[in-house]
Amino acid sequence: YEKNKKTQGFALSLESYLDLNRFSFRNTIEYSDKNYKGYLRNSKLFLAVVNYKVSSKLNTVLSANYTSINPVRDTINYDSSPILKKYKTSFNYRFNRRNKLKFGGYIRKKEDRFFPKKYNFEEKLLSLSYQNKKVGLYSFGIYNRYGITTNYLANSTDSKNVFFSSMQFSISFINNLTLGLNGSYQQT
């Protein structure tokens, strides 16, 4: 709570964690009203992540995120404070210490807070990724997402098919020398 000669404002920040044997939960809530004179003003943030370990090799993650952060007109963050809603789920399977497979999906809506809006879209995507790595020797990963997206700023708000794929590979030759290769493909 803060008070000055002209206004009075309120802000709240709360984080909670729960970590049991197979179940973990994390939650973050931030709120500030329009009169609060701190760094964040007229902002809301809610994040909840639930992780359940089915076995030593399989776990599942559910998350929900709402972000409407409004930093005071700071030159660093002025152009990067969208309103974001994201709901995500994934199933992660670890074959062994080196190999992981992840399958999931998410719904994300991202809207520019400023006018004129530079972006306002919604995505509904399935994702599939595979990672293979040996620490200190090499790392390989391939990440794919497929689904539909709707651009609310376009003349037609029909949904379009989208596909994203990226690959990363790196190899370590000597103690501080790593050579890497990255590639990506997008069809939007």
Protein backbone atom coordinates (compact mmCIF):
# COMPACT_ATOMS: atom_id res chain seq x y z
CA TYR A 1 0.00 0.00 0.00
CA GLU A 2 1.31 3.45 -0.80
CA LYS A 3 -0.18 6.89 -0.35
CA ASN A 4 0.85 10.30 -1.59
CA LYS A 5 -0.85 13.71 -1.72
CA LYS A 6 -2.93 12.91 -4.82
CA THR A 7 -3.54 9.16 -4.84
CA GLN A 8 -3.26 5.96 -2.90
CA GLY A 9 -2.38 2.63 -4.46
CA PHE A 10 -2.23 -1.05 -3.67
CA ALA A 11 -0.07 -3.91 -4.94
CA LEU A 12 0.17 -7.57 -4.05
CA SER A 13 2.68 -10.30 -4.82
CA LEU A 14 2.24 -13.91 -3.72
CA GLU A 15 4.25 -17.00 -4.56
CA SER A 16 3.55 -20.49 -3.32
CA TYR A 17 5.25 -23.83 -3.78
CA LEU A 18 4.27 -27.34 -2.83
CA ASP A 19 6.60 -30.24 -3.50
CA LEU A 20 5.52 -33.72 -2.48
CA ASN A 21 6.91 -37.07 -3.54
CA ARG A 22 5.25 -37.30 -6.99
CA PHE A 23 3.29 -34.06 -7.10
CA SER A 24 4.49 -30.47 -7.28
CA PHE A 25 2.63 -27.19 -7.58
CA ARG A 26 3.86 -23.65 -8.16
CA ASN A 27 1.77 -20.51 -8.17
CA THR A 28 2.56 -16.83 -8.70
CA ILE A 29 0.08 -13.97 -8.37
CA GLU A 30 0.90 -10.30 -8.88
CA TYR A 31 -1.53 -7.40 -8.86
CA SER A 32 -1.20 -3.63 -8.84
CA ASP A 33 -3.96 -1.09 -9.28
CA LYS A 34 -3.81 1.93 -11.60
CA ASN A 35 -2.84 4.31 -8.78
CA TYR A 36 0.09 2.28 -7.44
CA LYS A 37 3.28 4.27 -8.02
CA GLY A 38 5.67 1.31 -8.15
CA TYR A 39 7.44 -0.09 -11.21
CA LEU A 40 4.38 -2.13 -12.23
CA ARG A 41 1.13 -0.19 -12.52
CA ASN A 42 -2.34 -1.46 -13.44
CA SER A 43 -0.92 -4.98 -13.85
CA LYS A 44 -2.11 -8.55 -13.33
CA LEU A 45 -0.19 -11.80 -13.48
CA PHE A 46 -1.35 -15.32 -12.65
CA LEU A 47 0.74 -18.45 -13.16
CA ALA A 48 -0.03 -21.97 -11.98
CA VAL A 49 2.02 -25.07 -12.84
CA VAL A 50 1.11 -28.60 -11.75
CA ASN A 51 3.57 -31.44 -12.29
CA TYR A 52 2.75 -35.08 -11.60
CA LYS A 53 5.41 -37.78 -11.80
CA VAL A 54 3.61 -40.92 -13.01
CA SER A 55 6.81 -43.01 -12.87
CA SER A 56 10.56 -42.49 -12.90
CA LYS A 57 10.34 -42.12 -16.71
CA LEU A 58 6.98 -40.39 -17.28
CA ASN A 59 5.63 -37.13 -15.94
CA THR A 60 2.85 -34.78 -16.95
CA VAL A 61 2.64 -31.00 -16.65
CA LEU A 62 -0.39 -28.69 -16.71
CA SER A 63 -0.03 -24.92 -16.65
CA ALA A 64 -2.11 -21.78 -16.93
CA ASN A 65 -0.71 -18.29 -17.37
CA TYR A 66 -2.37 -14.88 -17.62
CA THR A 67 -0.04 -11.92 -17.96
CA SER A 68 -1.07 -8.29 -18.29
CA ILE A 69 2.04 -6.53 -17.04
CA ASN A 70 2.23 -2.78 -17.50
CA PRO A 71 5.68 -1.45 -16.63
CA VAL A 72 5.95 2.29 -16.10
CA ARG A 73 7.18 3.71 -19.38
CA ASP A 74 10.64 2.25 -19.17
CA THR A 75 12.82 2.35 -22.29
CA ILE A 76 13.76 -1.32 -21.88
CA ASN A 77 10.25 -2.76 -21.54
CA TYR A 78 8.10 -0.17 -23.28
CA ASP A 79 7.52 -2.26 -26.42
CA SER A 80 7.44 -5.67 -24.77
CA SER A 81 4.45 -5.87 -22.45
CA PRO A 82 1.72 -7.85 -24.23
CA ILE A 83 -1.44 -9.28 -22.73
CA LEU A 84 -0.87 -13.02 -22.81
CA LYS A 85 -3.13 -15.98 -22.00
CA LYS A 86 -1.63 -19.46 -22.25
CA TYR A 87 -2.89 -22.92 -21.30
CA LYS A 88 -0.48 -25.79 -21.76
CA THR A 89 -0.19 -29.50 -21.11
CA SER A 90 2.60 -31.95 -21.84
CA PHE A 91 3.65 -35.54 -21.31
CA ASN A 92 7.38 -36.03 -20.90
CA TYR A 93 8.99 -39.44 -21.32
CA ARG A 94 12.63 -40.01 -20.39
CA PHE A 95 13.94 -43.18 -22.07
CA ASN A 96 17.24 -42.93 -20.19
CA ARG A 97 19.64 -40.24 -19.02
CA ARG A 98 20.35 -39.15 -22.61
CA ASN A 99 17.01 -39.38 -24.43
CA LYS A 100 13.76 -37.47 -23.80
CA LEU A 101 10.51 -37.26 -25.75
CA LYS A 102 7.89 -34.61 -25.07
CA PHE A 103 4.34 -34.47 -26.47
CA GLY A 104 1.91 -31.70 -25.62
CA GLY A 105 -0.37 -28.97 -26.72
CA TYR A 106 -1.22 -25.42 -25.87
CA ILE A 107 -3.58 -22.59 -26.52
CA ARG A 108 -2.03 -19.13 -26.51
CA LYS A 109 -3.53 -15.70 -27.13
CA LYS A 110 -1.21 -12.73 -27.41
CA GLU A 111 -2.43 -9.17 -27.78
CA ASP A 112 -0.50 -5.92 -28.01
CA ARG A 113 -1.31 -3.57 -25.14
CA PHE A 114 -0.53 -0.44 -27.18
CA PHE A 115 -2.42 1.26 -30.01
CA PRO A 116 -2.25 0.83 -32.88
CA LYS A 117 -1.89 -2.89 -32.18
CA LYS A 118 1.05 -4.61 -33.87
CA TYR A 119 -0.29 -8.10 -33.09
CA ASN A 120 -3.41 -9.81 -31.78
CA PHE A 121 -3.54 -13.55 -32.45
CA GLU A 122 -4.48 -16.92 -31.03
CA GLU A 123 -2.70 -20.25 -31.55
CA LYS A 124 -3.87 -23.80 -30.88
CA LEU A 125 -0.88 -26.07 -31.35
CA LEU A 126 0.29 -29.64 -30.74
CA SER A 127 3.98 -30.03 -30.02
CA LEU A 128 6.43 -32.91 -30.27
CA SER A 129 10.10 -32.73 -29.38
CA TYR A 130 13.01 -35.10 -28.94
CA GLN A 131 16.31 -34.46 -27.15
CA ASN A 132 19.45 -36.55 -26.99
CA LYS A 133 22.43 -35.27 -25.07
CA LYS A 134 25.57 -36.42 -23.36
CA VAL A 135 26.85 -33.69 -21.06
CA GLY A 136 30.27 -32.44 -22.12
CA LEU A 137 30.18 -34.28 -25.47
CA TYR A 138 27.15 -33.47 -27.65
CA SER A 139 23.55 -32.27 -27.66
CA PHE A 140 20.84 -32.83 -30.27
CA GLY A 141 17.23 -31.65 -30.25
CA ILE A 142 14.36 -31.43 -32.69
CA TYR A 143 11.22 -29.42 -31.85
CA ASN A 144 7.97 -29.42 -33.86
CA ARG A 145 4.65 -27.61 -33.48
CA TYR A 146 1.59 -27.95 -35.69
CA GLY A 147 -1.88 -26.43 -35.43
CA ILE A 148 -3.98 -23.43 -36.32
CA THR A 149 -3.62 -19.73 -35.73
CA THR A 150 -6.05 -16.86 -36.03
CA ASN A 151 -4.83 -13.32 -36.71
CA TYR A 152 -7.45 -10.92 -35.35
CA LEU A 153 -5.83 -7.93 -37.10
CA ALA A 154 -6.16 -9.41 -40.61
CA ASN A 155 -9.04 -8.63 -42.94
CA SER A 156 -10.17 -12.25 -42.69
CA THR A 157 -10.15 -13.93 -39.30
CA ASP A 158 -10.26 -17.44 -40.75
CA SER A 159 -7.90 -19.83 -39.00
CA LYS A 160 -4.77 -20.88 -40.90
CA ASN A 161 -2.64 -24.00 -40.56
CA VAL A 162 0.83 -23.40 -39.15
CA PHE A 163 3.91 -25.58 -38.76
CA PHE A 164 7.15 -24.79 -36.92
CA SER A 165 10.18 -27.05 -36.81
CA SER A 166 13.64 -26.41 -35.44
CA MET A 167 16.76 -28.46 -34.89
CA GLN A 168 19.78 -27.83 -32.71
CA PHE A 169 23.03 -29.77 -32.66
CA SER A 170 26.25 -29.03 -30.80
CA ILE A 171 29.42 -30.97 -30.17
CA SER A 172 32.24 -30.28 -27.72
CA PHE A 173 35.77 -30.89 -28.95
CA ILE A 174 37.91 -29.71 -26.11
CA ASN A 175 37.10 -28.23 -22.70
CA ASN A 176 35.82 -24.79 -23.68
CA LEU A 177 35.25 -25.25 -27.41
CA THR A 178 31.78 -26.14 -28.66
CA LEU A 179 30.60 -26.06 -32.26
CA GLY A 180 26.87 -25.82 -32.93
CA LEU A 181 24.38 -25.79 -35.74
CA ASN A 182 20.79 -24.48 -35.56
CA GLY A 183 18.09 -24.54 -38.19
CA SER A 184 14.42 -23.70 -38.29
CA TYR A 185 11.51 -23.92 -40.69
CA GLN A 186 8.21 -22.04 -40.36
CA GLN A 187 5.08 -22.28 -42.43
CA THR A 188 2.65 -19.59 -41.31
